[in-house]
Amino acid sequence: MARIVKLDATGPIKVEPSANPIFVCACGLSKKFPFCDGSHKPTREEEANCVYRYDAATGAVIEKSQA
C-alpha cells in the first residue's frame, strides 16, 4: 500500500549519544532509513511552497506542484 508522507526537512537530525554522532534521516529519502545516507542533497534545491514527489529507486524528482 502506498502512502504520502509529508516531510519538509532538507537535512538529517544529529544525535550525539556517545563520541560518534549518529545522523537520523529527516527527509524520508534515505535507503538506510532511519539513518541518513546523504539522499537529502537534492532537497536543497527545492522551491518554497511546492510539493515534490521523488522516485524511490533513483531519488529523482518525478513531480513538482504548487502547495
Protein backbone atom coordinates (compact mmCIF):
# COMPACT_ATOMS: atom_id res chain seq x y z
CA MET A 1 0.00 0.00 0.00
CA ALA A 2 1.36 3.41 -0.96
CA ARG A 3 1.39 6.31 1.46
CA ILE A 4 2.03 10.00 1.10
CA VAL A 5 4.45 11.19 3.75
CA LYS A 6 4.93 14.92 4.01
CA LEU A 7 8.40 15.84 5.26
CA ASP A 8 9.92 19.27 4.98
CA ALA A 9 13.44 18.79 6.35
CA THR A 10 16.35 19.23 3.96
CA GLY A 11 18.94 17.53 6.12
CA PRO A 12 19.45 14.99 8.89
CA ILE A 13 18.99 15.28 12.64
CA LYS A 14 22.26 14.91 14.54
CA VAL A 15 22.15 12.76 17.68
CA GLU A 16 25.22 12.56 19.89
CA PRO A 17 24.73 9.67 22.33
CA SER A 18 28.49 8.98 22.57
CA ALA A 19 31.79 10.01 21.00
CA ASN A 20 30.49 9.24 17.49
CA PRO A 21 27.40 11.18 16.36
CA ILE A 22 24.52 9.43 14.60
CA PHE A 23 22.59 11.17 11.82
CA VAL A 24 18.88 10.31 11.61
CA CYS A 25 17.05 10.84 8.30
CA ALA A 26 14.53 13.68 8.44
CA CYS A 27 13.70 13.95 4.72
CA GLY A 28 12.41 10.40 4.14
CA LEU A 29 14.60 9.70 1.10
CA SER A 30 17.31 7.58 2.76
CA LYS A 31 17.70 3.99 1.57
CA LYS A 32 19.16 3.22 5.02
CA PHE A 33 16.20 4.73 6.91
CA PRO A 34 16.11 5.65 9.78
CA PHE A 35 19.75 6.58 9.25
CA CYS A 36 20.91 9.33 6.89
CA ASP A 37 22.77 8.25 3.74
CA GLY A 38 23.06 11.68 2.11
CA SER A 39 19.97 11.29 -0.09
CA HIS A 40 18.69 14.66 1.17
CA LYS A 41 21.11 16.62 -1.03
CA PRO A 42 18.59 17.17 -3.91
CA THR A 43 16.13 18.71 -1.43
CA ARG A 44 18.40 21.73 -1.02
CA GLU A 45 17.30 22.89 -4.48
CA GLU A 46 13.55 22.72 -3.70
CA GLU A 47 11.47 25.86 -4.08
CA ALA A 48 9.29 27.13 -1.24
CA ASN A 49 5.55 26.45 -1.42
CA CYS A 50 5.98 23.49 -3.79
CA VAL A 51 5.32 19.80 -3.22
CA TYR A 52 7.88 17.36 -4.61
CA ARG A 53 7.47 13.66 -5.36
CA TYR A 54 10.66 11.59 -5.66
CA ASP A 55 11.30 8.24 -7.37
CA ALA A 56 12.08 5.69 -4.64
CA ALA A 57 14.70 3.87 -6.73
CA THR A 58 16.66 6.79 -8.17
CA GLY A 59 15.85 9.72 -5.87
CA ALA A 60 14.99 11.84 -8.93
CA VAL A 61 12.11 14.32 -8.85
CA ILE A 62 9.05 12.76 -10.52
CA GLU A 63 6.57 15.53 -9.91
CA LYS A 64 6.58 19.12 -8.67
CA SER A 65 3.39 21.02 -7.94
CA GLN A 66 2.30 24.15 -6.09
CA ALA A 67 1.30 23.57 -2.47
